C-alpha atoms as a PDB file:
ATOM      1  CA  MET A   1      21.995   9.109 -37.016  1.00  0.00           C
ATOM      2  CA  SER A   2      21.764  12.167 -39.497  1.00  0.00           C
ATOM      3  CA  THR A   3      24.194  14.146 -37.475  1.00  0.00           C
ATOM      4  CA  LYS A   4      26.691  11.209 -37.718  1.00  0.00           C
ATOM      5  CA  LYS A   5      26.248  11.318 -41.479  1.00  0.00           C
ATOM      6  CA  ASN A   6      26.459  15.252 -41.585  1.00  0.00           C
ATOM      7  CA  ILE A   7      29.755  14.859 -39.779  1.00  0.00           C
ATOM      8  CA  ALA A   8      31.128  12.114 -42.017  1.00  0.00           C
ATOM      9  CA  LYS A   9      30.020  14.282 -44.940  1.00  0.00           C
ATOM     10  CA  PHE A  10      31.323  17.540 -43.791  1.00  0.00           C
ATOM     11  CA  GLY A  11      33.996  16.634 -41.288  1.00  0.00           C
ATOM     12  CA  CYS A  12      37.040  16.946 -43.601  1.00  0.00           C
ATOM     13  CA  LEU A  13      36.043  19.872 -45.074  1.00  0.00           C
ATOM     14  CA  PRO A  14      37.703  22.321 -42.628  1.00  0.00           C
ATOM     15  CA  ILE A  15      40.784  20.051 -43.315  1.00  0.00           C
ATOM     16  CA  ALA A  16      40.735  20.217 -46.684  1.00  0.00           C
ATOM     17  CA  VAL A  17      40.475  24.395 -46.807  1.00  0.00           C
ATOM     18  CA  LEU A  18      43.224  24.193 -44.194  1.00  0.00           C
ATOM     19  CA  VAL A  19      45.471  22.349 -46.463  1.00  0.00           C
ATOM     20  CA  ALA A  20      44.736  24.032 -49.527  1.00  0.00           C
ATOM     21  CA  LEU A  21      45.491  27.338 -47.999  1.00  0.00           C
ATOM     22  CA  VAL A  22      48.755  25.937 -46.551  1.00  0.00           C
ATOM     23  CA  LEU A  23      49.893  24.772 -49.551  1.00  0.00           C
ATOM     24  CA  ALA A  24      48.583  27.773 -51.690  1.00  0.00           C
ATOM     25  CA  PHE A  25      50.109  30.360 -49.899  1.00  0.00           C
ATOM     26  CA  GLY A  26      52.787  28.702 -47.454  1.00  0.00           C
ATOM     27  CA  GLY A  27      55.035  27.106 -50.259  1.00  0.00           C
ATOM     28  CA  GLU A  28      55.902  29.814 -52.243  1.00  0.00           C
ATOM     29  CA  ASP A  29      59.673  31.113 -53.133  1.00  0.00           C
ATOM     30  CA  ASP A  30      60.967  34.176 -53.147  1.00  0.00           C
ATOM     31  CA  THR A  31      62.877  34.547 -56.336  1.00  0.00           C
ATOM     32  CA  SER A  32      64.072  37.669 -55.406  1.00  0.00           C
ATOM     33  CA  SER A  33      67.190  36.650 -53.848  1.00  0.00           C
ATOM     34  CA  ASP A  34      70.519  35.551 -55.886  1.00  0.00           C
ATOM     35  CA  SER A  35      71.404  32.945 -53.009  1.00  0.00           C
ATOM     36  CA  LYS A  36      70.717  29.244 -54.385  1.00  0.00           C
ATOM     37  CA  PRO A  37      68.157  27.291 -52.234  1.00  0.00           C
ATOM     38  CA  THR A  38      69.298  24.655 -49.963  1.00  0.00           C
ATOM     39  CA  PRO A  39      67.664  21.760 -49.872  1.00  0.00           C
ATOM     40  CA  THR A  40      65.574  20.458 -47.017  1.00  0.00           C
ATOM     41  CA  ALA A  41      65.851  17.419 -45.319  1.00  0.00           C
ATOM     42  CA  SER A  42      62.117  16.045 -46.401  1.00  0.00           C
ATOM     43  CA  ALA A  43      63.127  17.156 -50.063  1.00  0.00           C
ATOM     44  CA  THR A  44      66.546  15.361 -49.863  1.00  0.00           C
ATOM     45  CA  LYS A  45      64.721  12.335 -47.954  1.00  0.00           C
ATOM     46  CA  SER A  46      62.208  12.064 -50.827  1.00  0.00           C
ATOM     47  CA  ALA A  47      64.185  12.917 -53.786  1.00  0.00           C
ATOM     48  CA  SER A  48      65.468   9.548 -55.568  1.00  0.00           C
ATOM     49  CA  PRO A  49      66.173   8.292 -59.285  1.00  0.00           C
ATOM     50  CA  LYS A  50      62.634   7.020 -59.510  1.00  0.00           C
ATOM     51  CA  ASP A  51      61.331  10.972 -59.027  1.00  0.00           C
ATOM     52  CA  THR A  52      63.025  12.345 -61.943  1.00  0.00           C
ATOM     53  CA  GLY A  53      60.317  11.952 -64.237  1.00  0.00           C
ATOM     54  CA  HIS A  54      57.649  13.899 -62.456  1.00  0.00           C
ATOM     55  CA  THR A  55      56.450  17.272 -63.101  1.00  0.00           C
ATOM     56  CA  PRO A  56      56.906  19.919 -60.297  1.00  0.00           C
ATOM     57  CA  GLU A  57      53.184  19.281 -59.320  1.00  0.00           C
ATOM     58  CA  GLU A  58      53.438  15.818 -58.864  1.00  0.00           C
ATOM     59  CA  THR A  59      56.608  15.891 -56.714  1.00  0.00           C
ATOM     60  CA  ALA A  60      54.820  18.675 -54.473  1.00  0.00           C
ATOM     61  CA  PHE A  61      52.047  16.194 -54.147  1.00  0.00           C
ATOM     62  CA  LEU A  62      54.100  13.254 -53.487  1.00  0.00           C
ATOM     63  CA  LEU A  63      56.476  15.143 -50.736  1.00  0.00           C
ATOM     64  CA  THR A  64      53.675  16.874 -49.272  1.00  0.00           C
ATOM     65  CA  THR A  65      51.356  13.840 -48.723  1.00  0.00           C
ATOM     66  CA  ARG A  66      54.350  11.402 -47.424  1.00  0.00           C
ATOM     67  CA  ALA A  67      55.346  13.972 -45.150  1.00  0.00           C
ATOM     68  CA  LYS A  68      52.109  14.231 -43.754  1.00  0.00           C
ATOM     69  CA  ILE A  69      51.098  10.597 -43.866  1.00  0.00           C
ATOM     70  CA  PRO A  70      54.124   8.589 -43.229  1.00  0.00           C
ATOM     71  CA  ALA A  71      52.420   5.007 -44.247  1.00  0.00           C
ATOM     72  CA  LEU A  72      52.325   6.275 -47.722  1.00  0.00           C
ATOM     73  CA  GLU A  73      56.090   5.909 -47.616  1.00  0.00           C
ATOM     74  CA  GLN A  74      55.426   2.528 -48.680  1.00  0.00           C
ATOM     75  CA  VAL A  75      52.947   3.190 -51.516  1.00  0.00           C
ATOM     76  CA  PRO A  76      54.510   3.331 -55.051  1.00  0.00           C
ATOM     77  CA  ASP A  77      54.658   6.816 -56.574  1.00  0.00           C
ATOM     78  CA  GLU A  78      52.069   6.086 -59.284  1.00  0.00           C
ATOM     79  CA  GLN A  79      49.474   4.804 -56.930  1.00  0.00           C
ATOM     80  CA  ILE A  80      49.536   7.954 -54.673  1.00  0.00           C
ATOM     81  CA  LEU A  81      49.674  10.028 -57.802  1.00  0.00           C
ATOM     82  CA  ASP A  82      46.676   8.224 -59.496  1.00  0.00           C
ATOM     83  CA  LEU A  83      44.485   8.806 -56.282  1.00  0.00           C
ATOM     84  CA  GLY A  84      45.270  12.447 -56.278  1.00  0.00           C
ATOM     85  CA  ARG A  85      44.116  12.608 -60.075  1.00  0.00           C
ATOM     86  CA  SER A  86      41.302  10.612 -59.554  1.00  0.00           C
ATOM     87  CA  SER A  87      40.364  13.083 -56.605  1.00  0.00           C
ATOM     88  CA  CYS A  88      40.297  15.762 -59.373  1.00  0.00           C
ATOM     89  CA  THR A  89      38.327  13.684 -61.735  1.00  0.00           C
ATOM     90  CA  ALA A  90      35.479  12.804 -58.901  1.00  0.00           C
ATOM     91  CA  ILE A  91      35.466  16.807 -58.309  1.00  0.00           C
ATOM     92  CA  ASP A  92      35.071  17.415 -61.938  1.00  0.00           C
ATOM     93  CA  ALA A  93      32.184  14.971 -62.142  1.00  0.00           C
ATOM     94  CA  GLY A  94      30.354  17.256 -59.467  1.00  0.00           C
ATOM     95  CA  ASN A  95      31.419  15.637 -56.588  1.00  0.00           C
ATOM     96  CA  SER A  96      32.291  18.046 -53.254  1.00  0.00           C
ATOM     97  CA  PRO A  97      35.815  17.629 -52.131  1.00  0.00           C
ATOM     98  CA  ALA A  98      34.539  16.400 -48.844  1.00  0.00           C
ATOM     99  CA  THR A  99      32.527  13.434 -50.401  1.00  0.00           C
ATOM    100  CA  VAL A 100      35.391  12.589 -52.060  1.00  0.00           C
ATOM    101  CA  ALA A 101      37.411  12.275 -48.926  1.00  0.00           C
ATOM    102  CA  VAL A 102      34.839  10.428 -47.375  1.00  0.00           C
ATOM    103  CA  GLU A 103      35.217   7.909 -50.327  1.00  0.00           C
ATOM    104  CA  ALA A 104      38.917   7.765 -50.054  1.00  0.00           C
ATOM    105  CA  GLU A 105      39.031   6.894 -46.630  1.00  0.00           C
ATOM    106  CA  LYS A 106      36.764   3.995 -47.146  1.00  0.00           C
ATOM    107  CA  GLY A 107      39.164   2.647 -49.634  1.00  0.00           C
ATOM    108  CA  LEU A 108      42.414   3.936 -47.641  1.00  0.00           C
ATOM    109  CA  GLN A 109      41.725   3.588 -44.122  1.00  0.00           C
ATOM    110  CA  ILE A 110      44.438   6.172 -43.261  1.00  0.00           C
ATOM    111  CA  GLY A 111      41.784   8.202 -41.093  1.00  0.00           C
ATOM    112  CA  ALA A 112      39.551  11.046 -42.329  1.00  0.00           C
ATOM    113  CA  GLU A 113      42.073  13.814 -41.463  1.00  0.00           C
ATOM    114  CA  ASN A 114      44.531  11.936 -43.947  1.00  0.00           C
ATOM    115  CA  SER A 115      42.190  11.449 -46.524  1.00  0.00           C
ATOM    116  CA  GLY A 116      40.971  14.835 -46.489  1.00  0.00           C
ATOM    117  CA  TYR A 117      44.691  16.143 -46.579  1.00  0.00           C
ATOM    118  CA  ILE A 118      45.306  13.994 -50.095  1.00  0.00           C
ATOM    119  CA  VAL A 119      42.071  15.773 -51.331  1.00  0.00           C
ATOM    120  CA  GLY A 120      43.232  19.132 -50.292  1.00  0.00           C
ATOM    121  CA  ALA A 121      46.822  18.548 -51.688  1.00  0.00           C
ATOM    122  CA  ALA A 122      45.296  17.070 -55.018  1.00  0.00           C
ATOM    123  CA  VAL A 123      43.138  20.310 -55.501  1.00  0.00           C
ATOM    124  CA  SER A 124      46.081  22.385 -54.767  1.00  0.00           C
ATOM    125  CA  GLN A 125      48.489  20.758 -57.143  1.00  0.00           C
ATOM    126  CA  PHE A 126      46.111  18.925 -59.925  1.00  0.00           C
ATOM    127  CA  CYS A 127      43.025  21.133 -60.335  1.00  0.00           C
ATOM    128  CA  PRO A 128      43.757  24.291 -58.415  1.00  0.00           C
ATOM    129  CA  GLU A 129      40.487  25.618 -60.575  1.00  0.00           C
ATOM    130  CA  HIS A 130      38.353  23.782 -57.763  1.00  0.00           C
ATOM    131  CA  LYS A 131      40.130  25.613 -54.793  1.00  0.00           C
ATOM    132  CA  SER A 132      37.217  27.414 -54.347  1.00  0.00           C
ATOM    133  CA  LYS A 133      35.173  24.491 -53.150  1.00  0.00           C
ATOM    134  CA  LEU A 134      37.351  23.347 -50.174  1.00  0.00           C
END
């Protein structure tokens, strides 16, 4: 039974690390080009008038989490953003990202991988000072 608890406790950690690395290094823009960027299908699909008040970090968090977890399409922006911010608050309080992901899964019921992805995306966008914990 302790093995099962360890898997539950640390099973999301590799996923969170991967997510953080992808978000940290995979999404950088090349600003040296003079050409205008063209919107991608996911950016165009998710962009709407209700999104105009979001910071770039909030927009990135919403786009990445909704692209990975289609079930979030039906969840209001503010609820998803609150989850991301509360993940950072929990990590600020001394909890590990893996523990936060396990707790998030209990409430969300979207799978451990998806919960880990949300926490990793939250750290990447809202509390990058905790990236070393992923």
